[in-house]
Protein backbone atom coordinates (compact mmCIF):
# COMPACT_ATOMS: atom_id res chain seq x y z
CA UNK A 1 61.65 111.53 -199.50
CA UNK A 2 58.45 110.88 -197.52
CA UNK A 3 57.15 107.35 -197.15
CA UNK A 4 53.51 106.42 -196.61
CA UNK A 5 54.18 105.52 -192.98
CA UNK A 6 55.91 108.80 -192.08
CA UNK A 7 52.90 111.17 -191.87
CA UNK A 8 50.87 108.41 -190.22
CA UNK A 9 53.56 107.98 -187.57
CA UNK A 10 53.91 111.74 -187.13
CA UNK A 11 50.23 112.18 -186.30
CA UNK A 12 50.29 109.02 -184.15
CA UNK A 13 52.89 110.78 -181.99
CA UNK A 14 51.57 114.34 -182.15
CA UNK A 15 47.99 113.49 -181.16
CA UNK A 16 48.79 111.89 -177.76
CA UNK A 17 51.58 114.45 -177.20
CA UNK A 18 49.06 117.26 -177.67
CA UNK A 19 46.61 115.51 -175.35
CA UNK A 20 49.32 115.18 -172.69
CA UNK A 21 50.21 118.86 -173.03
CA UNK A 22 46.55 119.82 -172.68
CA UNK A 23 46.01 117.73 -169.54
CA UNK A 24 49.15 119.17 -167.96
CA UNK A 25 48.11 122.70 -168.93
CA UNK A 26 44.70 122.15 -167.33
CA UNK A 27 46.43 121.43 -164.00
CA UNK A 28 45.41 117.78 -163.68
CA UNK A 29 48.88 116.97 -162.31
CA UNK A 30 49.47 120.03 -160.15
CA UNK A 31 49.94 117.85 -157.07
CA UNK A 32 52.61 115.67 -158.71
CA UNK A 33 55.91 115.67 -156.84
CA UNK A 34 58.80 116.86 -159.04
CA UNK A 35 62.21 118.42 -158.39
CA UNK A 36 62.09 122.12 -159.12
CA UNK A 37 64.91 124.67 -158.93
CA UNK A 38 68.52 124.81 -160.04
CA UNK A 39 69.62 123.55 -156.61
CA UNK A 40 68.70 120.06 -157.80
CA UNK A 41 71.42 120.16 -160.48
CA UNK A 42 75.18 120.06 -159.97
CA UNK A 43 76.12 121.99 -163.12
CA UNK A 44 77.86 125.31 -162.45
CA UNK A 45 79.00 126.75 -165.82
CA UNK A 46 82.46 128.26 -166.04
CA UNK A 47 83.04 131.88 -167.00
CA UNK A 48 83.70 131.09 -170.69
CA UNK A 49 80.30 129.41 -171.08
CA UNK A 50 78.59 132.25 -169.22
CA UNK A 51 80.05 134.76 -171.65
CA UNK A 52 78.99 132.73 -174.68
CA UNK A 53 75.40 132.09 -173.61
CA UNK A 54 72.48 134.39 -172.82
CA UNK A 55 71.85 134.96 -169.11
CA UNK A 56 68.61 132.96 -169.21
CA UNK A 57 70.57 129.79 -170.04
CA UNK A 58 71.68 128.92 -166.51
CA UNK A 59 72.93 125.41 -167.36
CA UNK A 60 74.35 125.39 -170.90
CA UNK A 61 75.48 121.77 -171.12
CA UNK A 62 72.26 120.40 -169.61
CA UNK A 63 70.34 122.57 -172.07
CA UNK A 64 72.20 121.94 -175.31
CA UNK A 65 72.63 118.19 -174.77
CA UNK A 66 68.95 117.81 -175.65
CA UNK A 67 69.74 118.62 -179.27
CA UNK A 68 71.17 115.10 -179.31
CA UNK A 69 67.67 113.57 -179.14
CA UNK A 70 66.66 115.47 -182.27
CA UNK A 71 69.86 114.55 -184.12
CA UNK A 72 69.58 110.84 -183.31
CA UNK A 73 65.85 110.82 -184.07
CA UNK A 74 66.35 112.57 -187.42
CA UNK A 75 69.24 110.24 -188.30
CA UNK A 76 67.16 107.11 -187.71
CA UNK A 77 64.17 108.55 -189.54
CA UNK A 78 66.48 109.05 -192.54
CA UNK A 79 67.86 105.52 -192.11
CA UNK A 80 64.31 104.17 -191.98
CA UNK A 81 63.36 105.97 -195.19
CA UNK A 82 66.44 104.68 -197.01
CA UNK A 83 65.84 101.14 -195.72
CA UNK A 84 62.20 101.25 -196.79
CA UNK A 85 63.13 102.41 -200.30
CA UNK A 86 65.61 99.51 -200.52
CA UNK A 87 62.87 97.14 -199.26
CA UNK A 88 64.92 96.25 -196.19
CA UNK A 89 62.02 97.13 -193.88
CA UNK A 90 58.28 96.80 -194.42
CA UNK A 91 55.75 99.60 -194.04
CA UNK A 92 54.81 98.41 -190.54
CA UNK A 93 58.50 98.19 -189.59
CA UNK A 94 59.08 101.73 -190.81
CA UNK A 95 56.00 102.91 -188.92
CA UNK A 96 57.43 101.59 -185.65
CA UNK A 97 60.84 103.13 -186.32
CA UNK A 98 59.29 106.48 -187.20
CA UNK A 99 57.14 106.59 -184.08
CA UNK A 100 60.04 105.83 -181.76
CA UNK A 101 62.22 108.48 -183.35
CA UNK A 102 59.51 111.13 -183.63
CA UNK A 103 59.05 110.66 -179.88
CA UNK A 104 62.79 111.25 -179.49
CA UNK A 105 62.61 114.43 -181.56
CA UNK A 106 59.71 115.67 -179.40
CA UNK A 107 61.35 114.72 -176.10
CA UNK A 108 64.45 116.85 -176.72
CA UNK A 109 62.57 120.20 -176.69
CA UNK A 110 60.41 119.08 -173.74
CA UNK A 111 63.47 118.31 -171.64
CA UNK A 112 65.17 121.55 -172.72
CA UNK A 113 62.10 123.57 -171.67
CA UNK A 114 62.17 121.89 -168.27
CA UNK A 115 65.84 122.77 -167.80
CA UNK A 116 65.39 126.36 -168.95
CA UNK A 117 62.16 127.21 -167.17
CA UNK A 118 62.16 125.00 -164.05
CA UNK A 119 58.37 125.18 -164.24
CA UNK A 120 56.23 122.47 -162.66
CA UNK A 121 54.24 121.82 -165.83
CA UNK A 122 57.30 121.16 -168.01
CA UNK A 123 58.78 118.96 -165.28
CA UNK A 124 55.59 116.87 -165.21
CA UNK A 125 55.53 116.60 -169.00
CA UNK A 126 59.20 115.56 -169.01
CA UNK A 127 58.50 112.75 -166.55
CA UNK A 128 55.32 111.62 -168.26
CA UNK A 129 56.82 111.53 -171.74
CA UNK A 130 59.52 109.10 -170.60
CA UNK A 131 56.98 106.31 -170.04
CA UNK A 132 55.62 105.76 -173.60
CA UNK A 133 59.23 105.73 -174.82
CA UNK A 134 59.89 102.54 -172.86
CA UNK A 135 56.45 101.10 -173.54
CA UNK A 136 57.00 101.46 -177.29
CA UNK A 137 60.00 99.12 -176.99
CA UNK A 138 57.67 96.52 -175.47
CA UNK A 139 55.11 97.13 -178.24
CA UNK A 140 57.91 96.69 -180.79
CA UNK A 141 58.99 93.40 -179.24
CA UNK A 142 55.43 92.09 -179.17
CA UNK A 143 55.04 92.95 -182.85
CA UNK A 144 58.20 91.09 -183.85
CA UNK A 145 57.14 88.07 -181.79
CA UNK A 146 53.44 87.86 -182.57
CA UNK A 147 52.77 90.19 -185.50
CA UNK A 148 51.16 93.61 -185.69
CA UNK A 149 48.02 94.47 -183.73
CA UNK A 150 46.89 98.08 -183.66
CA UNK A 151 44.45 97.41 -180.81
CA UNK A 152 47.18 95.81 -178.70
CA UNK A 153 49.52 98.73 -179.35
CA UNK A 154 46.84 101.29 -178.47
CA UNK A 155 45.85 99.46 -175.28
CA UNK A 156 49.46 99.17 -174.09
CA UNK A 157 50.12 102.85 -174.75
CA UNK A 158 46.90 103.81 -172.99
CA UNK A 159 47.96 101.74 -169.96
CA UNK A 160 51.38 103.40 -170.09
CA UNK A 161 49.98 106.93 -170.21
CA UNK A 162 47.40 106.18 -167.52
CA UNK A 163 50.02 104.71 -165.19
CA UNK A 164 51.48 108.18 -164.65
CA UNK A 165 48.46 108.77 -162.46
CA UNK A 166 50.42 106.99 -159.70
CA UNK A 167 52.23 110.30 -159.10
CA UNK A 168 48.94 111.62 -157.68
CA UNK A 169 48.75 108.74 -155.21
CA UNK A 170 52.30 108.55 -153.90
CA UNK A 171 55.41 110.82 -153.95
CA UNK A 172 57.42 107.95 -155.48
CA UNK A 173 54.75 106.96 -157.96
CA UNK A 174 56.82 108.03 -160.94
CA UNK A 175 59.86 106.02 -159.87
CA UNK A 176 57.69 102.91 -159.41
CA UNK A 177 56.03 103.14 -162.81
CA UNK A 178 59.33 104.03 -164.50
CA UNK A 179 60.98 100.87 -163.16
CA UNK A 180 57.98 98.87 -164.36
CA UNK A 181 58.32 100.39 -167.84
CA UNK A 182 62.06 99.73 -167.99
CA UNK A 183 61.43 96.09 -167.07
CA UNK A 184 58.79 95.81 -169.79
CA UNK A 185 61.19 97.31 -172.34
CA UNK A 186 63.85 94.70 -171.53
CA UNK A 187 61.23 91.93 -171.74
CA UNK A 188 60.04 93.26 -175.11
CA UNK A 189 63.58 93.28 -176.47
CA UNK A 190 64.27 89.75 -175.24
CA UNK A 191 61.10 88.21 -176.66
CA UNK A 192 61.81 89.68 -180.09
CA UNK A 193 65.38 88.38 -179.93
CA UNK A 194 64.06 84.98 -178.88
CA UNK A 195 61.98 84.94 -182.05
CA UNK A 196 65.04 85.71 -184.21
CA UNK A 197 68.07 84.44 -182.23
CA UNK A 198 70.26 84.60 -185.34
CA UNK A 199 70.14 88.42 -185.22
CA UNK A 200 73.46 90.15 -184.50
CA UNK A 201 71.91 92.10 -181.65
CA UNK A 202 74.22 91.41 -178.69
CA UNK A 203 76.30 94.60 -178.91
CA UNK A 204 73.37 97.03 -179.20
CA UNK A 205 71.47 95.12 -176.48
CA UNK A 206 74.38 95.44 -174.04
CA UNK A 207 74.88 99.05 -175.09
CA UNK A 208 71.22 99.87 -174.44
CA UNK A 209 71.27 98.16 -171.02
CA UNK A 210 74.46 99.97 -169.94
CA UNK A 211 73.15 103.30 -171.18
CA UNK A 212 69.85 102.75 -169.38
CA UNK A 213 71.76 102.07 -166.15
CA UNK A 214 73.80 105.22 -166.76
CA UNK A 215 70.66 107.22 -167.50
CA UNK A 216 69.13 106.27 -164.15
CA UNK A 217 72.26 106.03 -162.01
CA UNK A 218 74.10 109.19 -163.06
CA UNK A 219 70.99 111.30 -162.56
CA UNK A 220 70.59 109.94 -159.02
CA UNK A 221 74.18 110.74 -158.00
CA UNK A 222 74.38 114.08 -159.83
CA UNK A 223 74.75 116.13 -156.63
CA UNK A 224 77.20 113.65 -155.09
CA UNK A 225 79.74 113.59 -157.92
CA UNK A 226 81.29 117.07 -157.33
CA UNK A 227 82.54 115.86 -153.95
CA UNK A 228 84.82 113.45 -155.83
CA UNK A 229 86.10 115.95 -158.42
CA UNK A 230 85.24 119.58 -159.32
CA UNK A 231 84.93 118.64 -163.01
CA UNK A 232 81.48 117.26 -162.20
CA UNK A 233 80.27 120.81 -161.52
CA UNK A 234 80.76 121.47 -165.23
CA UNK A 235 80.27 118.04 -166.80
CA UNK A 236 77.59 117.04 -164.35
CA UNK A 237 76.01 113.68 -163.65
CA UNK A 238 72.73 114.95 -165.07
CA UNK A 239 74.45 115.95 -168.32
CA UNK A 240 76.17 112.56 -168.56
CA UNK A 241 72.83 110.91 -167.80
CA UNK A 242 71.31 112.65 -170.82
CA UNK A 243 74.26 111.55 -172.99
CA UNK A 244 73.57 107.96 -171.88
CA UNK A 245 69.88 108.37 -172.66
CA UNK A 246 70.60 109.67 -176.16
CA UNK A 247 72.90 106.73 -176.82
CA UNK A 248 70.22 104.45 -175.39
CA UNK A 249 67.82 105.69 -178.10
CA UNK A 250 70.50 104.99 -180.70
CA UNK A 251 71.22 101.47 -179.41
CA UNK A 252 67.53 100.59 -179.24
CA UNK A 253 67.25 101.55 -182.90
CA UNK A 254 70.32 99.45 -183.74
CA UNK A 255 68.94 96.51 -181.79
CA UNK A 256 65.59 96.50 -183.58
CA UNK A 257 67.25 97.15 -186.91
CA UNK A 258 69.29 93.97 -186.39
CA UNK A 259 66.15 92.03 -185.44
CA UNK A 260 64.30 93.44 -188.46
CA UNK A 261 67.11 92.36 -190.81
CA UNK A 262 66.99 88.88 -189.31
CA UNK A 263 63.22 88.83 -189.87
CA UNK A 264 63.72 89.82 -193.50
CA UNK A 265 66.32 87.10 -194.07
CA UNK A 266 64.12 84.53 -192.33
CA UNK A 267 61.23 85.47 -194.62
CA UNK A 268 63.43 85.07 -197.71
CA UNK A 269 64.56 81.62 -196.59
CA UNK A 270 60.97 80.49 -196.07
CA UNK A 271 60.04 81.63 -199.60
CA UNK A 272 62.93 79.63 -201.02
C-alpha cells in the first residue's frame, strides 16, 4: 500500500539523482580521478562462476552483491509502510525512511554499472552518490534533535552534492569529503540519541560503525588480501566491503527506528 510520503520521497530522490546523471553525462567531472580497470579489483572468478555467467560479467560476486542494496531498501520501505499504517511513525518520519531507502535502491544499480562497464562516468556517479547517503544521516539526526526543517535539509544536501567538486581541485578530494561526511553521519546519529537516550540503539549503532569501518577498510586492502590467502581472489575485499556497506544501511535503519520508537513513547508520556 502506498502512503502519502512515498511518492513525495521518490521524486525527492529521483530529481537530484537525474540532475547528477545529467551533470556527469555533460562531462563536468571528466577530470575527476577515479580507479578504472579490472586491475584495481582482486576478484578472479573460478571456472564454475565463469560457466554460469555471461562473458561480459567479469566479476560476478562484485556485480551481484549490489542486489543487496535493493533488497534492504525494499525491505525497509515495506517496514516503513507497515509502521506508518500502525501509527508507529509519523508522515515526516516515514518520509525520511523512504528517502534513505530509495537512495539505497538507486545506488545498487549505479554501483553494478560501474563494476560491469568500468566507465569513467559511472565511476564518478558511484563516488558522488555516496556523499548524500551519509549526509542524510546527519539530516535525520538534526530532525530528531530539533524538528523538521525543509530548508535546512535542502541546504545540507546542496552542500553535500557541491562538496564533490573537490575532486576537480585535488586527486584526493573525494577521500577528504567522504571522511567529512562519515564524521557528520556519526555526529548526526549521536545528537539524535542524545535527545532520546532511552532508545535501545546501542547494538545497531555499534553495528553501523563496524560496518562503516569494514566498508572503508576492506576496499582499501582489497589487492593486499590475496597475498594472505587465495580465497580472497574469489571472495575479495571489495566484495566484503560491499557486504559491510549493505549491512551498514540496514543498521542505520534499525538505529533510527529505535530512536523513532523512543520519540513516539516520549510523546505519549507527555500527553499523559
